[in-house]
Amino acid sequence: MNNVLKIVLLLIGAGLIAYGLYAIITPEFAIDAGPIQVEAHGDNTQSYAMIGFGILALIGGLTFRRR
């Protein structure tokens, strides 16, 4: 059971960190209409929370390894 939980926590942590970084890097909305270019950037607090929870999941998965 410990090995399964460890693997699940590591995978979820890596996935949350990857998704959080992807959401921060890519723009949410862009319009190209001739010479006018508009990009909308939203609030990144949800992305930062995803990265934080991903780091916590990775730490949790690594602590099961040491037991």
Protein backbone atom coordinates (compact mmCIF):
# COMPACT_ATOMS: atom_id res chain seq x y z
CA MET A 1 0.00 0.00 0.00
CA ASN A 2 2.86 2.39 0.77
CA ASN A 3 4.38 1.90 -2.68
CA VAL A 4 1.09 2.64 -4.43
CA LEU A 5 0.47 5.76 -2.35
CA LYS A 6 4.04 6.94 -2.94
CA ILE A 7 3.74 6.52 -6.70
CA VAL A 8 0.33 8.21 -6.81
CA LEU A 9 1.57 11.19 -4.78
CA LEU A 10 4.65 11.58 -6.97
CA LEU A 11 2.61 11.43 -10.18
CA ILE A 12 -0.03 13.85 -8.92
CA GLY A 13 2.65 16.23 -7.65
CA ALA A 14 4.51 16.23 -10.96
CA GLY A 15 1.25 16.70 -12.85
CA LEU A 16 0.12 19.63 -10.70
CA ILE A 17 3.48 21.37 -11.03
CA ALA A 18 3.52 20.86 -14.81
CA TYR A 19 -0.05 22.14 -15.20
CA GLY A 20 0.63 25.16 -12.96
CA LEU A 21 3.72 26.11 -14.95
CA TYR A 22 1.84 25.62 -18.22
CA ALA A 23 -0.99 27.87 -17.04
CA ILE A 24 1.47 30.60 -16.03
CA ILE A 25 3.51 30.52 -19.25
CA THR A 26 0.75 30.37 -21.87
CA PRO A 27 -1.53 33.37 -22.39
CA GLU A 28 -5.20 32.79 -21.73
CA PHE A 29 -6.67 34.70 -24.67
CA ALA A 30 -5.25 36.40 -27.75
CA ILE A 31 -6.81 38.23 -30.69
CA ASP A 32 -5.00 39.12 -33.91
CA ALA A 33 -7.06 41.49 -36.07
CA GLY A 34 -4.75 43.05 -38.63
CA PRO A 35 -2.39 45.51 -36.92
CA ILE A 36 -4.20 45.17 -33.57
CA GLN A 37 -3.06 42.44 -31.19
CA VAL A 38 -4.79 41.91 -27.85
CA GLU A 39 -3.70 39.49 -25.11
CA ALA A 40 -5.66 38.99 -21.91
CA HIS A 41 -3.79 37.85 -18.83
CA GLY A 42 -5.77 36.68 -15.85
CA ASP A 43 -4.93 36.22 -12.22
CA ASN A 44 -2.23 33.59 -11.63
CA THR A 45 -3.12 32.74 -8.02
CA GLN A 46 -4.72 29.44 -9.04
CA SER A 47 -1.55 28.49 -10.93
CA TYR A 48 0.59 29.30 -7.91
CA ALA A 49 -1.72 27.22 -5.70
CA MET A 50 -1.40 24.26 -8.12
CA ILE A 51 2.38 24.50 -7.97
CA GLY A 52 2.27 24.70 -4.17
CA PHE A 53 0.01 21.65 -3.85
CA GLY A 54 2.24 19.82 -6.34
CA ILE A 55 5.30 20.52 -4.22
CA LEU A 56 3.47 19.31 -1.10
CA ALA A 57 2.44 16.11 -2.90
CA LEU A 58 6.03 15.51 -4.03
CA ILE A 59 7.30 16.03 -0.48
CA GLY A 60 4.63 13.63 0.81
CA GLY A 61 5.62 11.02 -1.78
CA LEU A 62 9.29 11.35 -0.93
CA THR A 63 8.68 10.92 2.80
CA PHE A 64 7.01 7.53 2.17
CA ARG A 65 10.23 6.45 0.50
CA ARG A 66 12.27 6.96 3.66
CA ARG A 67 10.09 4.81 5.89
